[in-house]
Amino acid sequence: MMRILYIAKHGSGGNDDEGSIAFALGKLGHEVVKVQEFGDRLPLEDLKRMDQEFSFCLFHKWSNFDFIKRLKCPKAFWYFDLVDWPQDPTLSSRCEARKRWMAEVTPLVDLGFCTDGDWVERDQSGKLLVLRQGADERVVGFGEPWKGYTPIDVLFIGGIKGCGVQRESFVRELQARYGHRFTHFSSGVYGRALANAVATSKVVVCPDSPVTDRYWSNRVYVMGGFGACLLHPYCSYLSSNYSSCLPGVYFYRDREDMYRQLDLLLSEEGINDRKPASEIVLEQVKQNHLYRHRCEELVRVVKERLKI
């Protein structure tokens, strides 16, 4: 059993990744001491708690570098987002800020876990490893279709603002092609409410930006955890790598291929394919892609690499 200092934006709502991680670590038998992240400051009572003995400290995007330096226990971060995306110049300022954070924090920690596999490939410190996000086991499972609503043919969940021009054109083209058959939620639908939205849809489509063979968003595991019939841009590691693959997902190579597969899945012929695919995806998420599985791997690596 480990005693883990977990500094994060606890209780911030949304998908509540932090709550899922704290829950998963607890289920694995570890003591989790939660401290609220407050940017450049921490309350006095939390500072006193930080002087206690911990196996290691885990945080996400905490930017209080002075406090990170002062922590005596081993330190690890888990960074969820894409760090660099040179393919879209409109995102350059955001990416520069993320790269600066990485440059400042990496020397201060013992380990860093990233969802951006391309950034890990570029790492020269030897401290960074790939660790995907996962689904929240507290809410996974099929939802209930909305009563009185016509089923949604194509559903996309995700923001547009600040996500680049390719994301904007992705939504714009789907709206133009499918009209009222396409539904887009940019925010505000989470947990079991999201499960019900997925249950009301025929196909959940994932955007083609930003994505590479080594990076994709947690959307695939969140939606898979609700039993979505998923159409995702092709990623070699997601389609074939043992530690991250998700059988049952349909992959598209480009937008023309996306439209072709969408039309097929929405056809009379496609009806017979959607339900089995959804069941396979949900079962795979439950067996291999919950936050509990990710936390188990994180703790294993921390113990192995830091000799704790």
C-alpha atoms as a PDB file:
ATOM      1  CA  MET A   1       0.000   0.000   0.000  1.00  0.00           C
ATOM      2  CA  MET A   2       1.292   3.450  -0.914  1.00  0.00           C
ATOM      3  CA  ARG A   3       0.459   6.838   0.550  1.00  0.00           C
ATOM      4  CA  ILE A   4      -0.052   9.166  -2.417  1.00  0.00           C
ATOM      5  CA  LEU A   5      -0.200  12.950  -2.314  1.00  0.00           C
ATOM      6  CA  TYR A   6      -2.559  13.869  -5.154  1.00  0.00           C
ATOM      7  CA  ILE A   7      -2.544  17.565  -6.070  1.00  0.00           C
ATOM      8  CA  ALA A   8      -5.234  18.358  -8.637  1.00  0.00           C
ATOM      9  CA  LYS A   9      -8.358  20.360  -9.423  1.00  0.00           C
ATOM     10  CA  HIS A  10     -10.568  18.075  -7.403  1.00  0.00           C
ATOM     11  CA  GLY A  11     -14.306  18.436  -7.827  1.00  0.00           C
ATOM     12  CA  SER A  12     -14.003  20.496 -11.002  1.00  0.00           C
ATOM     13  CA  GLY A  13     -16.851  18.639 -12.728  1.00  0.00           C
ATOM     14  CA  GLY A  14     -16.976  17.595 -16.371  1.00  0.00           C
ATOM     15  CA  ASN A  15     -15.693  14.090 -16.961  1.00  0.00           C
ATOM     16  CA  ASP A  16     -14.124  14.267 -13.470  1.00  0.00           C
ATOM     17  CA  ASP A  17     -10.920  12.482 -14.416  1.00  0.00           C
ATOM     18  CA  GLU A  18      -9.415  13.487 -11.074  1.00  0.00           C
ATOM     19  CA  GLY A  19     -12.283  11.916  -9.150  1.00  0.00           C
ATOM     20  CA  SER A  20     -11.998   8.740 -11.200  1.00  0.00           C
ATOM     21  CA  ILE A  21      -8.242   8.534 -10.577  1.00  0.00           C
ATOM     22  CA  ALA A  22      -8.589   9.077  -6.824  1.00  0.00           C
ATOM     23  CA  PHE A  23     -11.346   6.435  -6.735  1.00  0.00           C
ATOM     24  CA  ALA A  24      -9.258   3.965  -8.754  1.00  0.00           C
ATOM     25  CA  LEU A  25      -6.160   4.420  -6.582  1.00  0.00           C
ATOM     26  CA  GLY A  26      -8.288   3.857  -3.502  1.00  0.00           C
ATOM     27  CA  LYS A  27      -9.817   0.703  -4.991  1.00  0.00           C
ATOM     28  CA  LEU A  28      -6.282  -0.561  -5.634  1.00  0.00           C
ATOM     29  CA  GLY A  29      -5.641  -0.301  -1.908  1.00  0.00           C
ATOM     30  CA  HIS A  30      -3.660   2.940  -1.728  1.00  0.00           C
ATOM     31  CA  GLU A  31      -4.223   5.852   0.622  1.00  0.00           C
ATOM     32  CA  VAL A  32      -4.888   8.995  -1.402  1.00  0.00           C
ATOM     33  CA  VAL A  33      -4.380  12.359   0.273  1.00  0.00           C
ATOM     34  CA  LYS A  34      -6.105  14.913  -1.937  1.00  0.00           C
ATOM     35  CA  VAL A  35      -4.862  18.497  -1.999  1.00  0.00           C
ATOM     36  CA  GLN A  36      -6.601  21.116  -4.075  1.00  0.00           C
ATOM     37  CA  GLU A  37      -4.550  22.783  -6.793  1.00  0.00           C
ATOM     38  CA  PHE A  38      -4.767  26.576  -6.648  1.00  0.00           C
ATOM     39  CA  GLY A  39      -2.405  27.703  -9.383  1.00  0.00           C
ATOM     40  CA  ASP A  40       0.399  29.665  -7.760  1.00  0.00           C
ATOM     41  CA  ARG A  41      -0.653  29.204  -4.151  1.00  0.00           C
ATOM     42  CA  LEU A  42      -1.816  26.570  -1.692  1.00  0.00           C
ATOM     43  CA  PRO A  43      -3.738  27.099   1.564  1.00  0.00           C
ATOM     44  CA  LEU A  44      -1.639  26.999   4.741  1.00  0.00           C
ATOM     45  CA  GLU A  45      -3.340  23.833   6.004  1.00  0.00           C
ATOM     46  CA  ASP A  46      -2.464  22.047   2.771  1.00  0.00           C
ATOM     47  CA  LEU A  47       1.170  23.150   3.061  1.00  0.00           C
ATOM     48  CA  LYS A  48       1.319  21.592   6.518  1.00  0.00           C
ATOM     49  CA  ARG A  49      -0.092  18.335   5.160  1.00  0.00           C
ATOM     50  CA  MET A  50       2.561  18.305   2.446  1.00  0.00           C
ATOM     51  CA  ASP A  51       5.280  18.033   5.097  1.00  0.00           C
ATOM     52  CA  GLN A  52       4.030  14.536   5.975  1.00  0.00           C
ATOM     53  CA  GLU A  53       5.573  11.371   4.599  1.00  0.00           C
ATOM     54  CA  PHE A  54       4.282  10.249   1.204  1.00  0.00           C
ATOM     55  CA  SER A  55       5.311   7.463  -1.150  1.00  0.00           C
ATOM     56  CA  PHE A  56       5.097   9.929  -4.028  1.00  0.00           C
ATOM     57  CA  CYS A  57       3.254  13.019  -5.244  1.00  0.00           C
ATOM     58  CA  LEU A  58       1.059  12.930  -8.358  1.00  0.00           C
ATOM     59  CA  PHE A  59      -0.151  16.035 -10.195  1.00  0.00           C
ATOM     60  CA  HIS A  60      -1.342  17.007 -13.677  1.00  0.00           C
ATOM     61  CA  LYS A  61      -0.770  20.566 -14.939  1.00  0.00           C
ATOM     62  CA  TRP A  62       0.265  22.139 -11.667  1.00  0.00           C
ATOM     63  CA  SER A  63       2.460  25.131 -12.436  1.00  0.00           C
ATOM     64  CA  ASN A  64       3.665  26.142  -8.984  1.00  0.00           C
ATOM     65  CA  PHE A  65       7.262  25.205  -9.686  1.00  0.00           C
ATOM     66  CA  ASP A  66       8.575  26.609  -6.386  1.00  0.00           C
ATOM     67  CA  PHE A  67       6.328  24.295  -4.395  1.00  0.00           C
ATOM     68  CA  ILE A  68       7.207  21.365  -6.637  1.00  0.00           C
ATOM     69  CA  LYS A  69      10.880  21.996  -5.848  1.00  0.00           C
ATOM     70  CA  ARG A  70      10.133  22.049  -2.118  1.00  0.00           C
ATOM     71  CA  LEU A  71       8.394  18.694  -2.069  1.00  0.00           C
ATOM     72  CA  LYS A  72      10.680  16.106  -0.503  1.00  0.00           C
ATOM     73  CA  CYS A  73       8.889  12.988  -1.724  1.00  0.00           C
ATOM     74  CA  PRO A  74       9.273  11.535  -5.246  1.00  0.00           C
ATOM     75  CA  LYS A  75       7.204  13.448  -7.811  1.00  0.00           C
ATOM     76  CA  ALA A  76       5.360  12.392 -10.958  1.00  0.00           C
ATOM     77  CA  PHE A  77       3.064  14.240 -13.315  1.00  0.00           C
ATOM     78  CA  TRP A  78       0.383  12.809 -15.611  1.00  0.00           C
ATOM     79  CA  TYR A  79      -0.174  15.168 -18.548  1.00  0.00           C
ATOM     80  CA  PHE A  80      -3.376  14.481 -20.456  1.00  0.00           C
ATOM     81  CA  ASP A  81      -3.181  16.777 -23.479  1.00  0.00           C
ATOM     82  CA  LEU A  82      -1.345  16.953 -26.768  1.00  0.00           C
ATOM     83  CA  VAL A  83       1.831  18.980 -26.188  1.00  0.00           C
ATOM     84  CA  ASP A  84       2.820  20.014 -29.696  1.00  0.00           C
ATOM     85  CA  TRP A  85       0.817  20.166 -32.935  1.00  0.00           C
ATOM     86  CA  PRO A  86       2.877  21.929 -35.639  1.00  0.00           C
ATOM     87  CA  GLN A  87       0.381  20.866 -38.340  1.00  0.00           C
ATOM     88  CA  ASP A  88      -1.929  23.732 -37.328  1.00  0.00           C
ATOM     89  CA  PRO A  89      -0.283  27.182 -36.973  1.00  0.00           C
ATOM     90  CA  THR A  90      -3.418  28.562 -35.258  1.00  0.00           C
ATOM     91  CA  LEU A  91      -2.543  26.434 -32.219  1.00  0.00           C
ATOM     92  CA  SER A  92       1.095  27.554 -32.024  1.00  0.00           C
ATOM     93  CA  SER A  93       0.713  29.852 -29.007  1.00  0.00           C
ATOM     94  CA  ARG A  94      -1.074  27.163 -27.001  1.00  0.00           C
ATOM     95  CA  CYS A  95       1.540  24.574 -27.943  1.00  0.00           C
ATOM     96  CA  GLU A  96       4.382  26.927 -27.038  1.00  0.00           C
ATOM     97  CA  ALA A  97       2.893  27.373 -23.561  1.00  0.00           C
ATOM     98  CA  ARG A  98       2.615  23.613 -23.140  1.00  0.00           C
ATOM     99  CA  LYS A  99       6.203  23.072 -24.279  1.00  0.00           C
ATOM    100  CA  ARG A 100       7.414  25.728 -21.824  1.00  0.00           C
ATOM    101  CA  TRP A 101       5.576  23.954 -19.005  1.00  0.00           C
ATOM    102  CA  MET A 102       7.223  20.662 -19.979  1.00  0.00           C
ATOM    103  CA  ALA A 103      10.648  22.300 -20.137  1.00  0.00           C
ATOM    104  CA  GLU A 104      10.222  23.771 -16.648  1.00  0.00           C
ATOM    105  CA  VAL A 105       8.614  20.840 -14.852  1.00  0.00           C
ATOM    106  CA  THR A 106      10.486  17.845 -16.285  1.00  0.00           C
ATOM    107  CA  PRO A 107      13.773  18.609 -14.474  1.00  0.00           C
ATOM    108  CA  LEU A 108      11.835  18.925 -11.195  1.00  0.00           C
ATOM    109  CA  VAL A 109      10.152  15.503 -11.226  1.00  0.00           C
ATOM    110  CA  ASP A 110      11.244  11.889 -11.098  1.00  0.00           C
ATOM    111  CA  LEU A 111       8.762  10.671 -13.724  1.00  0.00           C
ATOM    112  CA  GLY A 112       6.295  12.101 -16.212  1.00  0.00           C
ATOM    113  CA  PHE A 113       3.396  10.237 -17.788  1.00  0.00           C
ATOM    114  CA  CYS A 114       2.000  11.608 -21.059  1.00  0.00           C
ATOM    115  CA  THR A 115      -0.846  10.777 -23.401  1.00  0.00           C
ATOM    116  CA  ASP A 116       1.146  12.416 -26.209  1.00  0.00           C
ATOM    117  CA  GLY A 117       3.289   9.550 -27.477  1.00  0.00           C
ATOM    118  CA  ASP A 118       5.008  11.802 -30.023  1.00  0.00           C
ATOM    119  CA  TRP A 119       6.256  14.051 -27.230  1.00  0.00           C
ATOM    120  CA  VAL A 120       7.605  11.055 -25.344  1.00  0.00           C
ATOM    121  CA  GLU A 121       9.437   9.982 -28.518  1.00  0.00           C
ATOM    122  CA  ARG A 122      11.150  13.391 -28.571  1.00  0.00           C
ATOM    123  CA  ASP A 123      12.093  13.292 -24.879  1.00  0.00           C
ATOM    124  CA  GLN A 124      15.800  13.368 -24.019  1.00  0.00           C
ATOM    125  CA  SER A 125      15.442  13.233 -20.240  1.00  0.00           C
ATOM    126  CA  GLY A 126      14.573   9.550 -19.951  1.00  0.00           C
ATOM    127  CA  LYS A 127      11.847  10.453 -17.455  1.00  0.00           C
ATOM    128  CA  LEU A 128       8.791  10.435 -19.720  1.00  0.00           C
ATOM    129  CA  LEU A 129       6.555   7.470 -20.486  1.00  0.00           C
ATOM    130  CA  VAL A 130       3.301   6.999 -22.376  1.00  0.00           C
ATOM    131  CA  LEU A 131       0.201   6.447 -20.257  1.00  0.00           C
ATOM    132  CA  ARG A 132      -3.236   6.843 -21.818  1.00  0.00           C
ATOM    133  CA  GLN A 133      -6.273   8.105 -19.995  1.00  0.00           C
ATOM    134  CA  GLY A 134      -9.170   5.784 -19.368  1.00  0.00           C
ATOM    135  CA  ALA A 135     -12.861   5.407 -18.653  1.00  0.00           C
ATOM    136  CA  ASP A 136     -14.465   6.134 -15.296  1.00  0.00           C
ATOM    137  CA  GLU A 137     -15.629   2.819 -13.834  1.00  0.00           C
ATOM    138  CA  ARG A 138     -18.165   4.651 -11.682  1.00  0.00           C
ATOM    139  CA  VAL A 139     -20.256   5.531 -14.746  1.00  0.00           C
ATOM    140  CA  VAL A 140     -19.426   3.026 -17.528  1.00  0.00           C
ATOM    141  CA  GLY A 141     -22.170   0.962 -19.137  1.00  0.00           C
ATOM    142  CA  PHE A 142     -24.939   1.359 -21.685  1.00  0.00           C
ATOM    143  CA  GLY A 143     -27.248   4.322 -21.203  1.00  0.00           C
ATOM    144  CA  GLU A 144     -30.973   4.723 -21.767  1.00  0.00           C
ATOM    145  CA  PRO A 145     -32.127   6.318 -25.064  1.00  0.00           C
ATOM    146  CA  TRP A 146     -33.924   9.618 -24.674  1.00  0.00           C
ATOM    147  CA  LYS A 147     -37.662   9.010 -24.582  1.00  0.00           C
ATOM    148  CA  GLY A 148     -39.627  10.569 -27.419  1.00  0.00           C
ATOM    149  CA  TYR A 149     -36.526  11.504 -29.429  1.00  0.00           C
ATOM    150  CA  THR A 150     -35.685  10.394 -32.943  1.00  0.00           C
ATOM    151  CA  PRO A 151     -32.382   8.512 -32.816  1.00  0.00           C
ATOM    152  CA  ILE A 152     -29.332  10.604 -33.688  1.00  0.00           C
ATOM    153  CA  ASP A 153     -27.639   9.291 -36.835  1.00  0.00           C
ATOM    154  CA  VAL A 154     -24.215  10.875 -36.260  1.00  0.00           C
ATOM    155  CA  LEU A 155     -23.058  12.238 -32.895  1.00  0.00           C
ATOM    156  CA  PHE A 156     -19.921  14.228 -32.164  1.00  0.00           C
ATOM    157  CA  ILE A 157     -18.942  15.324 -28.662  1.00  0.00           C
ATOM    158  CA  GLY A 158     -16.124  17.859 -28.422  1.00  0.00           C
ATOM    159  CA  GLY A 159     -15.182  21.498 -28.475  1.00  0.00           C
ATOM    160  CA  ILE A 160     -14.358  23.626 -31.491  1.00  0.00           C
ATOM    161  CA  LYS A 161     -13.017  26.842 -29.991  1.00  0.00           C
ATOM    162  CA  GLY A 162      -9.263  26.679 -29.650  1.00  0.00           C
ATOM    163  CA  CYS A 163      -9.062  23.255 -31.281  1.00  0.00           C
ATOM    164  CA  GLY A 164      -7.743  24.386 -34.664  1.00  0.00           C
ATOM    165  CA  VAL A 165      -9.013  24.950 -38.174  1.00  0.00           C
ATOM    166  CA  GLN A 166      -9.163  21.255 -39.044  1.00  0.00           C
ATOM    167  CA  ARG A 167     -11.551  20.576 -36.154  1.00  0.00           C
ATOM    168  CA  GLU A 168     -13.705  23.475 -37.326  1.00  0.00           C
ATOM    169  CA  SER A 169     -13.884  22.140 -40.868  1.00  0.00           C
ATOM    170  CA  PHE A 170     -14.634  18.642 -39.539  1.00  0.00           C
ATOM    171  CA  VAL A 171     -17.788  19.869 -37.803  1.00  0.00           C
ATOM    172  CA  ARG A 172     -18.726  22.199 -40.662  1.00  0.00           C
ATOM    173  CA  GLU A 173     -18.522  19.402 -43.259  1.00  0.00           C
ATOM    174  CA  LEU A 174     -20.557  16.971 -41.153  1.00  0.00           C
ATOM    175  CA  GLN A 175     -23.242  19.613 -40.649  1.00  0.00           C
ATOM    176  CA  ALA A 176     -23.357  20.299 -44.378  1.00  0.00           C
ATOM    177  CA  ARG A 177     -23.524  16.642 -45.345  1.00  0.00           C
ATOM    178  CA  TYR A 178     -25.918  15.257 -42.729  1.00  0.00           C
ATOM    179  CA  GLY A 179     -27.926  18.315 -41.645  1.00  0.00           C
ATOM    180  CA  HIS A 180     -30.397  17.520 -38.848  1.00  0.00           C
ATOM    181  CA  ARG A 181     -29.108  13.933 -38.802  1.00  0.00           C
ATOM    182  CA  PHE A 182     -25.876  15.244 -37.242  1.00  0.00           C
ATOM    183  CA  THR A 183     -25.776  16.371 -33.598  1.00  0.00           C
ATOM    184  CA  HIS A 184     -22.848  18.162 -31.971  1.00  0.00           C
ATOM    185  CA  PHE A 185     -22.400  18.835 -28.252  1.00  0.00           C
ATOM    186  CA  SER A 186     -19.404  21.035 -27.534  1.00  0.00           C
ATOM    187  CA  SER A 187     -19.717  20.739 -23.741  1.00  0.00           C
ATOM    188  CA  GLY A 188     -22.071  20.221 -20.846  1.00  0.00           C
ATOM    189  CA  VAL A 189     -22.902  16.517 -21.288  1.00  0.00           C
ATOM    190  CA  TYR A 190     -21.014  14.151 -18.983  1.00  0.00           C
ATOM    191  CA  GLY A 191     -21.345  10.946 -17.005  1.00  0.00           C
ATOM    192  CA  ARG A 192     -24.625   9.077 -17.258  1.00  0.00           C
ATOM    193  CA  ALA A 193     -26.181  11.968 -19.188  1.00  0.00           C
ATOM    194  CA  LEU A 194     -23.535  11.382 -21.841  1.00  0.00           C
ATOM    195  CA  ALA A 195     -24.209   7.638 -21.714  1.00  0.00           C
ATOM    196  CA  ASN A 196     -27.857   8.379 -22.518  1.00  0.00           C
ATOM    197  CA  ALA A 197     -26.869  10.647 -25.421  1.00  0.00           C
ATOM    198  CA  VAL A 198     -24.673   7.861 -26.802  1.00  0.00           C
ATOM    199  CA  ALA A 199     -27.516   5.371 -26.388  1.00  0.00           C
ATOM    200  CA  THR A 200     -29.710   7.698 -28.463  1.00  0.00           C
ATOM    201  CA  SER A 201     -27.163   7.762 -31.296  1.00  0.00           C
ATOM    202  CA  LYS A 202     -26.393   5.295 -34.064  1.00  0.00           C
ATOM    203  CA  VAL A 203     -22.733   6.230 -34.673  1.00  0.00           C
ATOM    204  CA  VAL A 204     -20.329   8.350 -32.609  1.00  0.00           C
ATOM    205  CA  VAL A 205     -17.660   9.881 -34.820  1.00  0.00           C
ATOM    206  CA  CYS A 206     -14.268  11.091 -33.574  1.00  0.00           C
ATOM    207  CA  PRO A 207     -12.455  14.052 -35.183  1.00  0.00           C
ATOM    208  CA  ASP A 208      -9.412  13.752 -37.427  1.00  0.00           C
ATOM    209  CA  SER A 209      -7.483  16.492 -35.634  1.00  0.00           C
ATOM    210  CA  PRO A 210      -5.419  16.476 -33.578  1.00  0.00           C
ATOM    211  CA  VAL A 211      -4.481  12.815 -33.966  1.00  0.00           C
ATOM    212  CA  THR A 212      -1.399  10.787 -34.932  1.00  0.00           C
ATOM    213  CA  ASP A 213      -0.343   7.146 -34.712  1.00  0.00           C
ATOM    214  CA  ARG A 214       0.861   7.866 -31.147  1.00  0.00           C
ATOM    215  CA  TYR A 215      -1.687  10.417 -29.940  1.00  0.00           C
ATOM    216  CA  TRP A 216      -5.475  10.366 -29.672  1.00  0.00           C
ATOM    217  CA  SER A 217      -7.909  11.871 -27.203  1.00  0.00           C
ATOM    218  CA  ASN A 218      -9.554  10.091 -24.306  1.00  0.00           C
ATOM    219  CA  ARG A 219     -12.832  10.387 -26.207  1.00  0.00           C
ATOM    220  CA  VAL A 220     -12.400   6.880 -27.590  1.00  0.00           C
ATOM    221  CA  TYR A 221     -12.321   5.302 -24.118  1.00  0.00           C
ATOM    222  CA  VAL A 222     -15.039   7.532 -22.644  1.00  0.00           C
ATOM    223  CA  MET A 223     -17.438   6.824 -25.520  1.00  0.00           C
ATOM    224  CA  GLY A 224     -16.409   3.178 -25.672  1.00  0.00           C
ATOM    225  CA  GLY A 225     -17.224   2.924 -21.977  1.00  0.00           C
ATOM    226  CA  PHE A 226     -20.806   3.864 -22.839  1.00  0.00           C
ATOM    227  CA  GLY A 227     -21.051   1.267 -25.602  1.00  0.00           C
ATOM    228  CA  ALA A 228     -20.813   3.637 -28.554  1.00  0.00           C
ATOM    229  CA  CYS A 229     -20.540   2.428 -32.124  1.00  0.00           C
ATOM    230  CA  LEU A 230     -17.294   4.325 -32.724  1.00  0.00           C
ATOM    231  CA  LEU A 231     -15.771   5.616 -35.949  1.00  0.00           C
ATOM    232  CA  HIS A 232     -12.253   6.916 -35.281  1.00  0.00           C
ATOM    233  CA  PRO A 233      -9.388   8.153 -37.472  1.00  0.00           C
ATOM    234  CA  TYR A 234      -6.809   5.460 -38.065  1.00  0.00           C
ATOM    235  CA  CYS A 235      -3.979   5.289 -35.485  1.00  0.00           C
ATOM    236  CA  SER A 236      -1.577   2.395 -35.740  1.00  0.00           C
ATOM    237  CA  TYR A 237      -1.070   2.157 -31.967  1.00  0.00           C
ATOM    238  CA  LEU A 238      -4.790   2.325 -31.247  1.00  0.00           C
ATOM    239  CA  SER A 239      -5.627  -0.329 -33.831  1.00  0.00           C
ATOM    240  CA  SER A 240      -2.849  -2.828 -33.111  1.00  0.00           C
ATOM    241  CA  ASN A 241      -0.705  -1.996 -30.068  1.00  0.00           C
ATOM    242  CA  TYR A 242      -1.502  -4.454 -27.274  1.00  0.00           C
ATOM    243  CA  SER A 243      -1.460  -1.950 -24.426  1.00  0.00           C
ATOM    244  CA  SER A 244      -3.778   0.578 -26.049  1.00  0.00           C
ATOM    245  CA  CYS A 245      -5.762  -1.101 -28.846  1.00  0.00           C
ATOM    246  CA  LEU A 246      -9.536  -1.165 -28.709  1.00  0.00           C
ATOM    247  CA  PRO A 247     -11.153  -3.936 -30.790  1.00  0.00           C
ATOM    248  CA  GLY A 248     -14.600  -3.158 -32.138  1.00  0.00           C
ATOM    249  CA  VAL A 249     -13.767   0.398 -33.235  1.00  0.00           C
ATOM    250  CA  TYR A 250     -14.206   1.300 -36.907  1.00  0.00           C
ATOM    251  CA  PHE A 251     -11.316   3.297 -38.401  1.00  0.00           C
ATOM    252  CA  TYR A 252     -11.289   5.770 -41.292  1.00  0.00           C
ATOM    253  CA  ARG A 253      -8.255   6.893 -43.307  1.00  0.00           C
ATOM    254  CA  ASP A 254      -9.536  10.259 -44.574  1.00  0.00           C
ATOM    255  CA  ARG A 255     -12.807  12.164 -44.740  1.00  0.00           C
ATOM    256  CA  GLU A 256     -14.026  10.462 -47.880  1.00  0.00           C
ATOM    257  CA  ASP A 257     -13.474   7.135 -46.149  1.00  0.00           C
ATOM    258  CA  MET A 258     -15.249   8.516 -43.074  1.00  0.00           C
ATOM    259  CA  TYR A 259     -18.327   9.429 -45.128  1.00  0.00           C
ATOM    260  CA  ARG A 260     -18.280   6.051 -46.863  1.00  0.00           C
ATOM    261  CA  GLN A 261     -18.177   4.174 -43.581  1.00  0.00           C
ATOM    262  CA  LEU A 262     -20.759   6.431 -41.945  1.00  0.00           C
ATOM    263  CA  ASP A 263     -23.185   5.857 -44.791  1.00  0.00           C
ATOM    264  CA  LEU A 264     -22.593   2.109 -44.582  1.00  0.00           C
ATOM    265  CA  LEU A 265     -23.127   1.999 -40.809  1.00  0.00           C
ATOM    266  CA  LEU A 266     -26.315   4.056 -41.173  1.00  0.00           C
ATOM    267  CA  SER A 267     -27.696   1.807 -43.911  1.00  0.00           C
ATOM    268  CA  GLU A 268     -29.997  -1.174 -43.436  1.00  0.00           C
ATOM    269  CA  GLU A 269     -26.956  -3.395 -43.820  1.00  0.00           C
ATOM    270  CA  GLY A 270     -25.068  -1.492 -41.136  1.00  0.00           C
ATOM    271  CA  ILE A 271     -27.760  -2.009 -38.503  1.00  0.00           C
ATOM    272  CA  ASN A 272     -26.555  -5.586 -38.008  1.00  0.00           C
ATOM    273  CA  ASP A 273     -22.979  -4.397 -37.422  1.00  0.00           C
ATOM    274  CA  ARG A 274     -23.521  -1.570 -34.953  1.00  0.00           C
ATOM    275  CA  LYS A 275     -24.796  -3.450 -31.894  1.00  0.00           C
ATOM    276  CA  PRO A 276     -22.119  -6.207 -31.876  1.00  0.00           C
ATOM    277  CA  ALA A 277     -19.413  -3.560 -32.335  1.00  0.00           C
ATOM    278  CA  SER A 278     -20.805  -1.545 -29.411  1.00  0.00           C
ATOM    279  CA  GLU A 279     -20.862  -4.592 -27.159  1.00  0.00           C
ATOM    280  CA  ILE A 280     -17.284  -5.521 -28.055  1.00  0.00           C
ATOM    281  CA  VAL A 281     -16.020  -1.988 -27.399  1.00  0.00           C
ATOM    282  CA  LEU A 282     -17.769  -1.727 -24.032  1.00  0.00           C
ATOM    283  CA  GLU A 283     -16.455  -5.091 -22.862  1.00  0.00           C
ATOM    284  CA  GLN A 284     -12.910  -4.197 -23.972  1.00  0.00           C
ATOM    285  CA  VAL A 285     -13.054  -0.936 -22.032  1.00  0.00           C
ATOM    286  CA  LYS A 286     -14.257  -2.722 -18.907  1.00  0.00           C
ATOM    287  CA  GLN A 287     -11.525  -5.353 -19.205  1.00  0.00           C
ATOM    288  CA  ASN A 288      -8.566  -3.188 -20.217  1.00  0.00           C
ATOM    289  CA  HIS A 289      -9.170   0.559 -20.378  1.00  0.00           C
ATOM    290  CA  LEU A 290     -10.588   1.828 -17.104  1.00  0.00           C
ATOM    291  CA  TYR A 291      -8.726   4.400 -15.037  1.00  0.00           C
ATOM    292  CA  ARG A 292      -8.138   1.546 -12.600  1.00  0.00           C
ATOM    293  CA  HIS A 293      -6.009  -0.212 -15.231  1.00  0.00           C
ATOM    294  CA  ARG A 294      -4.080   3.004 -15.932  1.00  0.00           C
ATOM    295  CA  CYS A 295      -3.477   3.676 -12.242  1.00  0.00           C
ATOM    296  CA  GLU A 296      -2.323   0.115 -11.724  1.00  0.00           C
ATOM    297  CA  GLU A 297       0.266   0.650 -14.471  1.00  0.00           C
ATOM    298  CA  LEU A 298       1.272   4.049 -13.100  1.00  0.00           C
ATOM    299  CA  VAL A 299       1.916   2.654  -9.618  1.00  0.00           C
ATOM    300  CA  ARG A 300       3.775  -0.343 -11.050  1.00  0.00           C
ATOM    301  CA  VAL A 301       6.117   1.930 -12.998  1.00  0.00           C
ATOM    302  CA  VAL A 302       6.657   4.269 -10.046  1.00  0.00           C
ATOM    303  CA  LYS A 303       7.607   1.323  -7.835  1.00  0.00           C
ATOM    304  CA  GLU A 304       9.879  -0.190 -10.466  1.00  0.00           C
ATOM    305  CA  ARG A 305      11.627   2.968 -11.650  1.00  0.00           C
ATOM    306  CA  LEU A 306      11.940   4.743  -8.311  1.00  0.00           C
ATOM    307  CA  LYS A 307      12.584   1.614  -6.191  1.00  0.00           C
ATOM    308  CA  ILE A 308       9.802   2.495  -3.772  1.00  0.00           C
END
